[in-house]
Amino acid sequence: MKLDPTHTVEDALRAVAAEGATVELRLNDGHSLGGKIGGVGEHACLVETVTGKEFFDAWVRLESIVAIEARVRG
C-alpha cells in the first residue's frame, strides 16, 4: 500500500481499507480515532473495532478528517 498526496481523503481511505490496515484518523476537532476502515462512502466512512472500544464501530464524516496515519512499511 502506498499513500499518494494526489489522492482525496476518500481515495486514501479506500486504499487503506483494501489492505485491511489499522489506521489512526486525526479529526478537525483535535481528537483521533483508530481502527480498521470497514467501508467508505461519498460523505462518510465506517471505522470498525475502534481502538480501546473493540465492541464499537464509528461513522465519521470525510470532511472531519484532517490526517490519516497508517502503517505502510514493514
Protein backbone atom coordinates (compact mmCIF):
# COMPACT_ATOMS: atom_id res chain seq x y z
CA MET A 1 0.00 0.00 0.00
CA LYS A 2 1.16 3.50 -0.76
CA LEU A 3 -0.46 6.73 0.31
CA ASP A 4 -0.46 9.26 -2.52
CA PRO A 5 -0.54 13.03 -1.93
CA THR A 6 -2.70 13.48 -5.04
CA HIS A 7 -5.47 11.30 -3.59
CA THR A 8 -8.56 12.63 -1.90
CA VAL A 9 -9.38 11.54 1.65
CA GLU A 10 -11.87 9.11 0.13
CA ASP A 11 -9.21 7.59 -2.17
CA ALA A 12 -6.71 7.23 0.67
CA LEU A 13 -9.27 5.54 2.92
CA ARG A 14 -10.22 3.12 0.15
CA ALA A 15 -6.55 2.20 -0.32
CA VAL A 16 -6.12 1.59 3.41
CA ALA A 17 -9.37 -0.42 3.56
CA ALA A 18 -8.24 -2.63 0.67
CA GLU A 19 -5.13 -3.57 2.66
CA GLY A 20 -7.02 -4.15 5.90
CA ALA A 21 -4.55 -1.92 7.70
CA THR A 22 -5.21 -0.33 11.06
CA VAL A 23 -5.44 3.46 10.84
CA GLU A 24 -5.47 6.46 13.10
CA LEU A 25 -7.72 9.26 11.86
CA ARG A 26 -6.99 12.78 13.09
CA LEU A 27 -10.14 14.85 13.20
CA ASN A 28 -10.56 18.60 12.82
CA ASP A 29 -11.66 18.91 16.46
CA GLY A 30 -8.26 17.62 17.65
CA HIS A 31 -9.44 14.13 18.57
CA SER A 32 -8.22 10.93 16.95
CA LEU A 33 -9.89 7.64 16.23
CA GLY A 34 -8.16 4.35 15.47
CA GLY A 35 -9.38 1.09 14.00
CA LYS A 36 -9.94 -0.59 10.65
CA ILE A 37 -11.83 1.01 7.79
CA GLY A 38 -14.95 -1.07 7.18
CA GLY A 39 -16.31 0.94 4.29
CA VAL A 40 -16.02 4.27 2.52
CA GLY A 41 -18.89 6.23 1.04
CA GLU A 42 -19.15 9.56 -0.72
CA HIS A 43 -19.55 11.51 2.54
CA ALA A 44 -18.52 9.19 5.38
CA CYS A 45 -16.51 6.14 6.37
CA LEU A 46 -17.08 3.35 8.87
CA VAL A 47 -14.33 2.64 11.40
CA GLU A 48 -14.70 -0.87 12.78
CA THR A 49 -13.25 -2.26 16.00
CA VAL A 50 -12.45 1.19 17.38
CA THR A 51 -9.17 1.12 19.30
CA GLY A 52 -9.86 0.93 23.02
CA LYS A 53 -13.53 0.11 22.33
CA GLU A 54 -13.31 -3.19 20.48
CA PHE A 55 -17.07 -3.78 20.50
CA PHE A 56 -17.85 -0.41 18.90
CA ASP A 57 -17.87 0.95 15.35
CA ALA A 58 -17.86 4.62 14.38
CA TRP A 59 -19.33 6.58 11.48
CA VAL A 60 -17.07 9.51 10.51
CA ARG A 61 -17.76 12.34 8.06
CA LEU A 62 -14.96 12.60 5.50
CA GLU A 63 -14.88 16.39 5.84
CA SER A 64 -13.96 15.95 9.53
CA ILE A 65 -10.74 14.06 8.73
CA VAL A 66 -7.58 16.17 8.56
CA ALA A 67 -4.96 13.37 8.54
CA ILE A 68 -4.75 9.62 8.06
CA GLU A 69 -1.98 7.63 9.73
CA ALA A 70 -1.40 4.09 8.52
CA ARG A 71 1.46 1.63 8.72
CA VAL A 72 2.60 1.21 5.12
CA ARG A 73 6.03 -0.41 5.55
CA GLY A 74 7.36 -3.45 7.34
